[in-house]
Amino acid sequence: MAVGKNDINQVRKMVEKEPSLISAASGSRMTALHIAAASGYVQLAQVLIDSGADVNARTVNFTTPLSFAVVNNHTEAVELLRDAGGIE
Protein backbone atom coordinates (compact mmCIF):
# COMPACT_ATOMS: atom_id res chain seq x y z
CA MET A 1 0.00 0.00 0.00
CA ALA A 2 2.86 2.39 0.75
CA VAL A 3 4.18 1.94 -2.79
CA GLY A 4 0.76 2.52 -4.33
CA LYS A 5 0.45 5.74 -2.34
CA ASN A 6 3.98 6.84 -3.36
CA ASP A 7 4.86 7.08 0.33
CA ILE A 8 8.64 7.17 -0.02
CA ASN A 9 9.34 7.63 3.68
CA GLN A 10 7.18 4.68 4.67
CA VAL A 11 8.75 2.47 2.01
CA ARG A 12 12.23 3.41 3.23
CA LYS A 13 11.29 2.56 6.82
CA MET A 14 9.75 -0.75 5.82
CA VAL A 15 12.73 -1.82 3.71
CA GLU A 16 15.20 -0.78 6.42
CA LYS A 17 13.27 -2.82 8.98
CA GLU A 18 12.70 -5.81 6.70
CA PRO A 19 15.12 -5.86 3.71
CA SER A 20 13.48 -8.95 2.20
CA LEU A 21 10.47 -6.80 1.30
CA ILE A 22 12.46 -5.32 -1.58
CA SER A 23 12.06 -8.58 -3.48
CA ALA A 24 8.55 -9.44 -2.27
CA ALA A 25 6.12 -10.10 -5.09
CA SER A 26 2.41 -10.60 -5.58
CA GLY A 27 0.90 -13.82 -6.89
CA SER A 28 1.53 -12.50 -10.39
CA ARG A 29 5.14 -11.77 -9.33
CA MET A 30 4.66 -8.02 -9.49
CA THR A 31 7.17 -6.25 -7.26
CA ALA A 32 7.18 -2.82 -5.66
CA LEU A 33 9.42 -1.64 -8.50
CA HIS A 34 6.87 -2.81 -11.08
CA ILE A 35 4.21 -0.74 -9.31
CA ALA A 36 6.43 2.33 -9.01
CA ALA A 37 7.44 2.10 -12.69
CA ALA A 38 3.88 1.59 -13.89
CA SER A 39 2.77 4.62 -11.88
CA GLY A 40 5.68 6.84 -12.90
CA TYR A 41 6.92 7.22 -9.32
CA VAL A 42 10.51 8.03 -10.24
CA GLN A 43 11.80 9.00 -6.78
CA LEU A 44 10.27 5.90 -5.25
CA ALA A 45 11.73 3.75 -8.02
CA GLN A 46 15.15 5.23 -7.27
CA VAL A 47 14.79 4.39 -3.58
CA LEU A 48 13.84 0.82 -4.48
CA ILE A 49 16.75 0.46 -6.90
CA ASP A 50 19.15 1.91 -4.32
CA SER A 51 17.79 -0.64 -1.84
CA GLY A 52 18.59 -3.52 -4.17
CA ALA A 53 15.40 -4.06 -6.17
CA ASP A 54 15.86 -6.26 -9.23
CA VAL A 55 15.38 -3.89 -12.18
CA ASN A 56 14.75 -6.89 -14.42
CA ALA A 57 12.29 -8.78 -12.24
CA ARG A 58 9.59 -10.37 -14.36
CA THR A 59 5.92 -10.92 -13.70
CA VAL A 60 4.23 -14.19 -14.64
CA ASN A 61 3.72 -12.59 -18.08
CA PHE A 62 7.47 -11.82 -18.29
CA THR A 63 6.87 -8.08 -17.96
CA THR A 64 9.69 -6.00 -16.47
CA PRO A 65 9.41 -2.71 -14.61
CA LEU A 66 10.83 -0.97 -17.68
CA SER A 67 8.10 -2.47 -19.86
CA PHE A 68 5.45 -1.00 -17.54
CA ALA A 69 7.11 2.42 -17.64
CA VAL A 70 7.28 2.34 -21.45
CA VAL A 71 3.67 1.25 -21.91
CA ASN A 72 2.48 3.98 -19.54
CA ASN A 73 4.69 6.61 -21.21
CA HIS A 74 6.57 7.52 -18.03
CA THR A 75 9.69 8.86 -19.73
CA GLU A 76 11.60 9.74 -16.55
CA ALA A 77 11.00 6.27 -15.15
CA VAL A 78 12.08 4.74 -18.48
CA GLU A 79 15.33 6.70 -18.37
CA LEU A 80 15.99 5.77 -14.73
CA LEU A 81 15.36 2.07 -15.33
CA ARG A 82 17.47 1.98 -18.50
CA ASP A 83 20.31 3.74 -16.69
CA ALA A 84 20.04 1.10 -13.95
CA GLY A 85 20.36 -1.71 -16.51
CA GLY A 86 16.67 -2.39 -17.04
CA ILE A 87 15.50 -4.29 -20.11
CA GLU A 88 12.09 -4.67 -21.69
PDB file of N, CA and C in Angstrom:
ATOM      1  N   MET A   1       0.818  -1.188   0.000  1.00  0.00           N
ATOM      2  CA  MET A   1       0.000   0.000   0.000  1.00  0.00           C
ATOM      3  C   MET A   1       0.862   1.251   0.000  1.00  0.00           C
ATOM      4  N   ALA A   2       1.986   1.225   0.696  1.00  0.00           N
ATOM      5  CA  ALA A   2       2.864   2.392   0.751  1.00  0.00           C
ATOM      6  C   ALA A   2       3.400   2.726  -0.636  1.00  0.00           C
ATOM      7  N   VAL A   3       3.696   1.714  -1.420  1.00  0.00           N
ATOM      8  CA  VAL A   3       4.181   1.945  -2.790  1.00  0.00           C
ATOM      9  C   VAL A   3       3.070   2.556  -3.633  1.00  0.00           C
ATOM     10  N   GLY A   4       1.886   2.012  -3.565  1.00  0.00           N
ATOM     11  CA  GLY A   4       0.755   2.519  -4.333  1.00  0.00           C
ATOM     12  C   GLY A   4       0.401   3.954  -4.000  1.00  0.00           C
ATOM     13  N   LYS A   5       0.716   4.366  -2.774  1.00  0.00           N
ATOM     14  CA  LYS A   5       0.452   5.740  -2.345  1.00  0.00           C
ATOM     15  C   LYS A   5       1.660   6.645  -2.571  1.00  0.00           C
ATOM     16  N   ASN A   6       2.733   6.093  -3.125  1.00  0.00           N
ATOM     17  CA  ASN A   6       3.976   6.836  -3.359  1.00  0.00           C
ATOM     18  C   ASN A   6       4.518   7.420  -2.062  1.00  0.00           C
ATOM     19  N   ASP A   7       4.403   6.655  -0.990  1.00  0.00           N
ATOM     20  CA  ASP A   7       4.864   7.084   0.330  1.00  0.00           C
ATOM     21  C   ASP A   7       6.321   6.657   0.506  1.00  0.00           C
ATOM     22  N   ILE A   8       7.211   7.491   0.001  1.00  0.00           N
ATOM     23  CA  ILE A   8       8.639   7.171  -0.024  1.00  0.00           C
ATOM     24  C   ILE A   8       9.185   6.933   1.377  1.00  0.00           C
ATOM     25  N   ASN A   9       8.824   7.786   2.320  1.00  0.00           N
ATOM     26  CA  ASN A   9       9.340   7.632   3.681  1.00  0.00           C
ATOM     27  C   ASN A   9       8.910   6.314   4.309  1.00  0.00           C
ATOM     28  N   GLN A  10       7.668   5.939   4.117  1.00  0.00           N
ATOM     29  CA  GLN A  10       7.176   4.683   4.674  1.00  0.00           C
ATOM     30  C   GLN A  10       7.874   3.493   4.021  1.00  0.00           C
ATOM     31  N   VAL A  11       8.063   3.559   2.708  1.00  0.00           N
ATOM     32  CA  VAL A  11       8.753   2.469   2.005  1.00  0.00           C
ATOM     33  C   VAL A  11      10.174   2.332   2.529  1.00  0.00           C
ATOM     34  N   ARG A  12      10.860   3.444   2.692  1.00  0.00           N
ATOM     35  CA  ARG A  12      12.233   3.408   3.233  1.00  0.00           C
ATOM     36  C   ARG A  12      12.252   2.719   4.596  1.00  0.00           C
ATOM     37  N   LYS A  13      11.350   3.138   5.473  1.00  0.00           N
ATOM     38  CA  LYS A  13      11.292   2.562   6.822  1.00  0.00           C
ATOM     39  C   LYS A  13      11.030   1.061   6.762  1.00  0.00           C
ATOM     40  N   MET A  14      10.100   0.667   5.912  1.00  0.00           N
ATOM     41  CA  MET A  14       9.750  -0.750   5.820  1.00  0.00           C
ATOM     42  C   MET A  14      10.919  -1.587   5.310  1.00  0.00           C
ATOM     43  N   VAL A  15      11.610  -1.084   4.299  1.00  0.00           N
ATOM     44  CA  VAL A  15      12.733  -1.822   3.714  1.00  0.00           C
ATOM     45  C   VAL A  15      13.916  -1.871   4.681  1.00  0.00           C
ATOM     46  N   GLU A  16      14.127  -0.773   5.416  1.00  0.00           N
ATOM     47  CA  GLU A  16      15.200  -0.783   6.420  1.00  0.00           C
ATOM     48  C   GLU A  16      14.911  -1.801   7.514  1.00  0.00           C
ATOM     49  N   LYS A  17      13.661  -1.885   7.919  1.00  0.00           N
ATOM     50  CA  LYS A  17      13.271  -2.818   8.979  1.00  0.00           C
ATOM     51  C   LYS A  17      13.260  -4.258   8.481  1.00  0.00           C
ATOM     52  N   GLU A  18      12.808  -4.464   7.261  1.00  0.00           N
ATOM     53  CA  GLU A  18      12.697  -5.812   6.699  1.00  0.00           C
ATOM     54  C   GLU A  18      13.202  -5.806   5.254  1.00  0.00           C
ATOM     55  N   PRO A  19      14.524  -5.940   5.044  1.00  0.00           N
ATOM     56  CA  PRO A  19      15.122  -5.859   3.711  1.00  0.00           C
ATOM     57  C   PRO A  19      14.550  -6.850   2.690  1.00  0.00           C
ATOM     58  N   SER A  20      14.024  -7.957   3.142  1.00  0.00           N
ATOM     59  CA  SER A  20      13.480  -8.947   2.195  1.00  0.00           C
ATOM     60  C   SER A  20      12.256  -8.419   1.455  1.00  0.00           C
ATOM     61  N   LEU A  21      11.641  -7.369   1.969  1.00  0.00           N
ATOM     62  CA  LEU A  21      10.472  -6.797   1.300  1.00  0.00           C
ATOM     63  C   LEU A  21      10.812  -6.259  -0.084  1.00  0.00           C
ATOM     64  N   ILE A  22      12.064  -5.888  -0.297  1.00  0.00           N
ATOM     65  CA  ILE A  22      12.462  -5.321  -1.581  1.00  0.00           C
ATOM     66  C   ILE A  22      12.232  -6.299  -2.725  1.00  0.00           C
ATOM     67  N   SER A  23      12.275  -7.583  -2.429  1.00  0.00           N
ATOM     68  CA  SER A  23      12.062  -8.581  -3.482  1.00  0.00           C
ATOM     69  C   SER A  23      10.715  -9.290  -3.358  1.00  0.00           C
ATOM     70  N   ALA A  24       9.886  -8.840  -2.431  1.00  0.00           N
ATOM     71  CA  ALA A  24       8.555  -9.442  -2.272  1.00  0.00           C
ATOM     72  C   ALA A  24       7.732  -9.207  -3.536  1.00  0.00           C
ATOM     73  N   ALA A  25       6.916 -10.197  -3.872  1.00  0.00           N
ATOM     74  CA  ALA A  25       6.117 -10.101  -5.090  1.00  0.00           C
ATOM     75  C   ALA A  25       4.713 -10.638  -4.840  1.00  0.00           C
ATOM     76  N   SER A  26       3.798 -10.133  -5.647  1.00  0.00           N
ATOM     77  CA  SER A  26       2.407 -10.600  -5.576  1.00  0.00           C
ATOM     78  C   SER A  26       2.310 -11.980  -6.226  1.00  0.00           C
ATOM     79  N   GLY A  27       1.127 -12.525  -6.246  1.00  0.00           N
ATOM     80  CA  GLY A  27       0.904 -13.818  -6.890  1.00  0.00           C
ATOM     81  C   GLY A  27       1.259 -13.806  -8.365  1.00  0.00           C
ATOM     82  N   SER A  28       1.166 -12.636  -8.969  1.00  0.00           N
ATOM     83  CA  SER A  28       1.532 -12.505 -10.391  1.00  0.00           C
ATOM     84  C   SER A  28       2.995 -12.094 -10.542  1.00  0.00           C
ATOM     85  N   ARG A  29       3.714 -12.118  -9.421  1.00  0.00           N
ATOM     86  CA  ARG A  29       5.140 -11.773  -9.333  1.00  0.00           C
ATOM     87  C   ARG A  29       5.425 -10.299  -9.624  1.00  0.00           C
ATOM     88  N   MET A  30       4.466  -9.457  -9.349  1.00  0.00           N
ATOM     89  CA  MET A  30       4.664  -8.022  -9.488  1.00  0.00           C
ATOM     90  C   MET A  30       5.328  -7.503  -8.221  1.00  0.00           C
ATOM     91  N   THR A  31       6.431  -6.779  -8.392  1.00  0.00           N
ATOM     92  CA  THR A  31       7.175  -6.249  -7.257  1.00  0.00           C
ATOM     93  C   THR A  31       6.833  -4.778  -7.025  1.00  0.00           C
ATOM     94  N   ALA A  32       7.363  -4.243  -5.946  1.00  0.00           N
ATOM     95  CA  ALA A  32       7.177  -2.818  -5.660  1.00  0.00           C
ATOM     96  C   ALA A  32       7.734  -1.969  -6.801  1.00  0.00           C
ATOM     97  N   LEU A  33       8.838  -2.407  -7.390  1.00  0.00           N
ATOM     98  CA  LEU A  33       9.424  -1.643  -8.495  1.00  0.00           C
ATOM     99  C   LEU A  33       8.519  -1.665  -9.724  1.00  0.00           C
ATOM    100  N   HIS A  34       7.845  -2.769  -9.982  1.00  0.00           N
ATOM    101  CA  HIS A  34       6.868  -2.809 -11.078  1.00  0.00           C
ATOM    102  C   HIS A  34       5.783  -1.752 -10.857  1.00  0.00           C
ATOM    103  N   ILE A  35       5.286  -1.685  -9.626  1.00  0.00           N
ATOM    104  CA  ILE A  35       4.206  -0.741  -9.313  1.00  0.00           C
ATOM    105  C   ILE A  35       4.700   0.700  -9.453  1.00  0.00           C
ATOM    106  N   ALA A  36       5.879   0.976  -8.915  1.00  0.00           N
ATOM    107  CA  ALA A  36       6.433   2.328  -9.011  1.00  0.00           C
ATOM    108  C   ALA A  36       6.655   2.721 -10.469  1.00  0.00           C
ATOM    109  N   ALA A  37       7.179   1.813 -11.271  1.00  0.00           N
ATOM    110  CA  ALA A  37       7.436   2.098 -12.687  1.00  0.00           C
ATOM    111  C   ALA A  37       6.140   2.314 -13.455  1.00  0.00           C
ATOM    112  N   ALA A  38       5.163   1.478 -13.199  1.00  0.00           N
ATOM    113  CA  ALA A  38       3.876   1.593 -13.888  1.00  0.00           C
ATOM    114  C   ALA A  38       3.164   2.890 -13.543  1.00  0.00           C
ATOM    115  N   SER A  39       3.420   3.398 -12.344  1.00  0.00           N
ATOM    116  CA  SER A  39       2.771   4.621 -11.881  1.00  0.00           C
ATOM    117  C   SER A  39       3.585   5.877 -12.178  1.00  0.00           C
ATOM    118  N   GLY A  40       4.825   5.690 -12.621  1.00  0.00           N
ATOM    119  CA  GLY A  40       5.682   6.842 -12.896  1.00  0.00           C
ATOM    120  C   GLY A  40       6.268   7.477 -11.651  1.00  0.00           C
ATOM    121  N   TYR A  41       6.368   6.717 -10.579  1.00  0.00           N
ATOM    122  CA  TYR A  41       6.919   7.220  -9.322  1.00  0.00           C
ATOM    123  C   TYR A  41       8.444   7.113  -9.352  1.00  0.00           C
ATOM    124  N   VAL A  42       9.075   8.080  -9.980  1.00  0.00           N
ATOM    125  CA  VAL A  42      10.514   8.032 -10.236  1.00  0.00           C
ATOM    126  C   VAL A  42      11.336   8.045  -8.954  1.00  0.00           C
ATOM    127  N   GLN A  43      11.029   8.936  -8.031  1.00  0.00           N
ATOM    128  CA  GLN A  43      11.797   8.999  -6.783  1.00  0.00           C
ATOM    129  C   GLN A  43      11.666   7.710  -5.994  1.00  0.00           C
ATOM    130  N   LEU A  44      10.485   7.166  -5.958  1.00  0.00           N
ATOM    131  CA  LEU A  44      10.270   5.904  -5.252  1.00  0.00           C
ATOM    132  C   LEU A  44      11.030   4.780  -5.953  1.00  0.00           C
ATOM    133  N   ALA A  45      10.985   4.760  -7.266  1.00  0.00           N
ATOM    134  CA  ALA A  45      11.730   3.745  -8.021  1.00  0.00           C
ATOM    135  C   ALA A  45      13.216   3.841  -7.709  1.00  0.00           C
ATOM    136  N   GLN A  46      13.730   5.053  -7.605  1.00  0.00           N
ATOM    137  CA  GLN A  46      15.150   5.230  -7.273  1.00  0.00           C
ATOM    138  C   GLN A  46      15.462   4.668  -5.895  1.00  0.00           C
ATOM    139  N   VAL A  47      14.604   4.926  -4.932  1.00  0.00           N
ATOM    140  CA  VAL A  47      14.794   4.385  -3.581  1.00  0.00           C
ATOM    141  C   VAL A  47      14.810   2.858  -3.626  1.00  0.00           C
ATOM    142  N   LEU A  48      13.899   2.282  -4.377  1.00  0.00           N
ATOM    143  CA  LEU A  48      13.835   0.821  -4.479  1.00  0.00           C
ATOM    144  C   LEU A  48      15.084   0.259  -5.145  1.00  0.00           C
ATOM    145  N   ILE A  49      15.524   0.897  -6.208  1.00  0.00           N
ATOM    146  CA  ILE A  49      16.749   0.458  -6.895  1.00  0.00           C
ATOM    147  C   ILE A  49      17.942   0.577  -5.957  1.00  0.00           C
ATOM    148  N   ASP A  50      18.053   1.713  -5.275  1.00  0.00           N
ATOM    149  CA  ASP A  50      19.152   1.905  -4.323  1.00  0.00           C
ATOM    150  C   ASP A  50      19.123   0.885  -3.195  1.00  0.00           C
ATOM    151  N   SER A  51      17.946   0.365  -2.906  1.00  0.00           N
ATOM    152  CA  SER A  51      17.789  -0.637  -1.837  1.00  0.00           C
ATOM    153  C   SER A  51      18.002  -2.058  -2.337  1.00  0.00           C
ATOM    154  N   GLY A  52      18.275  -2.198  -3.634  1.00  0.00           N
ATOM    155  CA  GLY A  52      18.589  -3.523  -4.171  1.00  0.00           C
ATOM    156  C   GLY A  52      17.503  -4.192  -4.969  1.00  0.00           C
ATOM    157  N   ALA A  53      16.469  -3.451  -5.360  1.00  0.00           N
ATOM    158  CA  ALA A  53      15.401  -4.057  -6.168  1.00  0.00           C
ATOM    159  C   ALA A  53      15.965  -4.550  -7.491  1.00  0.00           C
ATOM    160  N   ASP A  54      15.455  -5.668  -7.947  1.00  0.00           N
ATOM    161  CA  ASP A  54      15.856  -6.257  -9.228  1.00  0.00           C
ATOM    162  C   ASP A  54      15.180  -5.481 -10.352  1.00  0.00           C
ATOM    163  N   VAL A  55      15.962  -4.709 -11.112  1.00  0.00           N
ATOM    164  CA  VAL A  55      15.380  -3.891 -12.183  1.00  0.00           C
ATOM    165  C   VAL A  55      14.837  -4.739 -13.326  1.00  0.00           C
ATOM    166  N   ASN A  56      15.224  -6.000 -13.361  1.00  0.00           N
ATOM    167  CA  ASN A  56      14.751  -6.888 -14.422  1.00  0.00           C
ATOM    168  C   ASN A  56      13.859  -8.013 -13.918  1.00  0.00           C
ATOM    169  N   ALA A  57      13.248  -7.795 -12.757  1.00  0.00           N
ATOM    170  CA  ALA A  57      12.295  -8.779 -12.239  1.00  0.00           C
ATOM    171  C   ALA A  57      11.161  -8.919 -13.256  1.00  0.00           C
ATOM    172  N   ARG A  58      10.641 -10.121 -13.380  1.00  0.00           N
ATOM    173  CA  ARG A  58       9.587 -10.375 -14.356  1.00  0.00           C
ATOM    174  C   ARG A  58       8.328 -10.902 -13.679  1.00  0.00           C
ATOM    175  N   THR A  59       7.204 -10.422 -14.180  1.00  0.00           N
ATOM    176  CA  THR A  59       5.920 -10.923 -13.703  1.00  0.00           C
ATOM    177  C   THR A  59       5.675 -12.294 -14.338  1.00  0.00           C
ATOM    178  N   VAL A  60       4.554 -12.899 -14.033  1.00  0.00           N
ATOM    179  CA  VAL A  60       4.225 -14.187 -14.644  1.00  0.00           C
ATOM    180  C   VAL A  60       4.082 -14.056 -16.164  1.00  0.00           C
ATOM    181  N   ASN A  61       3.819 -12.843 -16.633  1.00  0.00           N
ATOM    182  CA  ASN A  61       3.725 -12.589 -18.081  1.00  0.00           C
ATOM    183  C   ASN A  61       5.043 -12.092 -18.656  1.00  0.00           C
ATOM    184  N   PHE A  62       6.114 -12.208 -17.877  1.00  0.00           N
ATOM    185  CA  PHE A  62       7.466 -11.824 -18.288  1.00  0.00           C
ATOM    186  C   PHE A  62       7.639 -10.321 -18.497  1.00  0.00           C
ATOM    187  N   THR A  63       6.802  -9.525 -17.836  1.00  0.00           N
ATOM    188  CA  THR A  63       6.870  -8.081 -17.958  1.00  0.00           C
ATOM    189  C   THR A  63       7.841  -7.521 -16.921  1.00  0.00           C
ATOM    190  N   THR A  64       8.721  -6.642 -17.368  1.00  0.00           N
ATOM    191  CA  THR A  64       9.688  -6.004 -16.470  1.00  0.00           C
ATOM    192  C   THR A  64       9.175  -4.638 -16.032  1.00  0.00           C
ATOM    193  N   PRO A  65       9.780  -4.067 -14.990  1.00  0.00           N
ATOM    194  CA  PRO A  65       9.406  -2.708 -14.610  1.00  0.00           C
ATOM    195  C   PRO A  65       9.556  -1.720 -15.764  1.00  0.00           C
ATOM    196  N   LEU A  66      10.624  -1.862 -16.540  1.00  0.00           N
ATOM    197  CA  LEU A  66      10.830  -0.970 -17.683  1.00  0.00           C
ATOM    198  C   LEU A  66       9.690  -1.083 -18.682  1.00  0.00           C
ATOM    199  N   SER A  67       9.217  -2.277 -18.929  1.00  0.00           N
ATOM    200  CA  SER A  67       8.095  -2.466 -19.855  1.00  0.00           C
ATOM    201  C   SER A  67       6.868  -1.700 -19.389  1.00  0.00           C
ATOM    202  N   PHE A  68       6.590  -1.741 -18.078  1.00  0.00           N
ATOM    203  CA  PHE A  68       5.446  -1.002 -17.536  1.00  0.00           C
ATOM    204  C   PHE A  68       5.632   0.501 -17.726  1.00  0.00           C
ATOM    205  N   ALA A  69       6.844   0.989 -17.482  1.00  0.00           N
ATOM    206  CA  ALA A  69       7.109   2.422 -17.641  1.00  0.00           C
ATOM    207  C   ALA A  69       6.943   2.850 -19.095  1.00  0.00           C
ATOM    208  N   VAL A  70       7.403   2.021 -20.026  1.00  0.00           N
ATOM    209  CA  VAL A  70       7.284   2.337 -21.454  1.00  0.00           C
ATOM    210  C   VAL A  70       5.822   2.381 -21.870  1.00  0.00           C
ATOM    211  N   VAL A  71       5.082   1.344 -21.525  1.00  0.00           N
ATOM    212  CA  VAL A  71       3.668   1.252 -21.911  1.00  0.00           C
ATOM    213  C   VAL A  71       2.866   2.432 -21.367  1.00  0.00           C
ATOM    214  N   ASN A  72       3.207   2.885 -20.169  1.00  0.00           N
ATOM    215  CA  ASN A  72       2.475   3.980 -19.544  1.00  0.00           C
ATOM    216  C   ASN A  72       3.084   5.355 -19.848  1.00  0.00           C
ATOM    217  N   ASN A  73       4.072   5.366 -20.736  1.00  0.00           N
ATOM    218  CA  ASN A  73       4.687   6.611 -21.209  1.00  0.00           C
ATOM    219  C   ASN A  73       5.258   7.468 -20.075  1.00  0.00           C
ATOM    220  N   HIS A  74       5.923   6.812 -19.140  1.00  0.00           N
ATOM    221  CA  HIS A  74       6.572   7.517 -18.029  1.00  0.00           C
ATOM    222  C   HIS A  74       8.059   7.671 -18.383  1.00  0.00           C
ATOM    223  N   THR A  75       8.357   8.707 -19.152  1.00  0.00           N
ATOM    224  CA  THR A  75       9.694   8.858 -19.731  1.00  0.00           C
ATOM    225  C   THR A  75      10.807   8.963 -18.694  1.00  0.00           C
ATOM    226  N   GLU A  76      10.556   9.643 -17.584  1.00  0.00           N
ATOM    227  CA  GLU A  76      11.596   9.739 -16.551  1.00  0.00           C
ATOM    228  C   GLU A  76      11.870   8.377 -15.926  1.00  0.00           C
ATOM    229  N   ALA A  77      10.830   7.606 -15.713  1.00  0.00           N
ATOM    230  CA  ALA A  77      11.004   6.266 -15.155  1.00  0.00           C
ATOM    231  C   ALA A  77      11.728   5.370 -16.156  1.00  0.00           C
ATOM    232  N   VAL A  78      11.404   5.516 -17.434  1.00  0.00           N
ATOM    233  CA  VAL A  78      12.083   4.744 -18.483  1.00  0.00           C
ATOM    234  C   VAL A  78      13.576   5.041 -18.442  1.00  0.00           C
ATOM    235  N   GLU A  79      13.921   6.308 -18.394  1.00  0.00           N
ATOM    236  CA  GLU A  79      15.331   6.702 -18.365  1.00  0.00           C
ATOM    237  C   GLU A  79      16.041   6.149 -17.132  1.00  0.00           C
ATOM    238  N   LEU A  80      15.403   6.281 -15.972  1.00  0.00           N
ATOM    239  CA  LEU A  80      15.986   5.771 -14.728  1.00  0.00           C
ATOM    240  C   LEU A  80      16.233   4.270 -14.823  1.00  0.00           C
ATOM    241  N   LEU A  81      15.244   3.533 -15.263  1.00  0.00           N
ATOM    242  CA  LEU A  81      15.364   2.075 -15.332  1.00  0.00           C
ATOM    243  C   LEU A  81      16.406   1.640 -16.360  1.00  0.00           C
ATOM    244  N   ARG A  82      16.438   2.310 -17.493  1.00  0.00           N
ATOM    245  CA  ARG A  82      17.469   1.978 -18.497  1.00  0.00           C
ATOM    246  C   ARG A  82      18.850   2.256 -17.951  1.00  0.00           C
ATOM    247  N   ASP A  83      19.013   3.396 -17.288  1.00  0.00           N
ATOM    248  CA  ASP A  83      20.313   3.740 -16.694  1.00  0.00           C
ATOM    249  C   ASP A  83      20.741   2.723 -15.638  1.00  0.00           C
ATOM    250  N   ALA A  84      19.762   2.100 -14.990  1.00  0.00           N
ATOM    251  CA  ALA A  84      20.035   1.105 -13.954  1.00  0.00           C
ATOM    252  C   ALA A  84      20.223  -0.309 -14.537  1.00  0.00           C
ATOM    253  N   GLY A  85      20.160  -0.414 -15.864  1.00  0.00           N
ATOM    254  CA  GLY A  85      20.356  -1.714 -16.509  1.00  0.00           C
ATOM    255  C   GLY A  85      19.078  -2.446 -16.844  1.00  0.00           C
ATOM    256  N   GLY A  86      17.957  -1.757 -16.753  1.00  0.00           N
ATOM    257  CA  GLY A  86      16.672  -2.386 -17.041  1.00  0.00           C
ATOM    258  C   GLY A  86      16.511  -2.740 -18.515  1.00  0.00           C
ATOM    259  N   ILE A  87      15.829  -3.846 -18.750  1.00  0.00           N
ATOM    260  CA  ILE A  87      15.500  -4.291 -20.110  1.00  0.00           C
ATOM    261  C   ILE A  87      13.999  -4.455 -20.225  1.00  0.00           C
ATOM    262  N   GLU A  88      13.530  -4.471 -21.465  1.00  0.00           N
ATOM    263  CA  GLU A  88      12.086  -4.673 -21.689  1.00  0.00           C
ATOM    264  C   GLU A  88      11.789  -6.134 -21.873  1.00  0.00           C
TER     265      GLU A  88
END
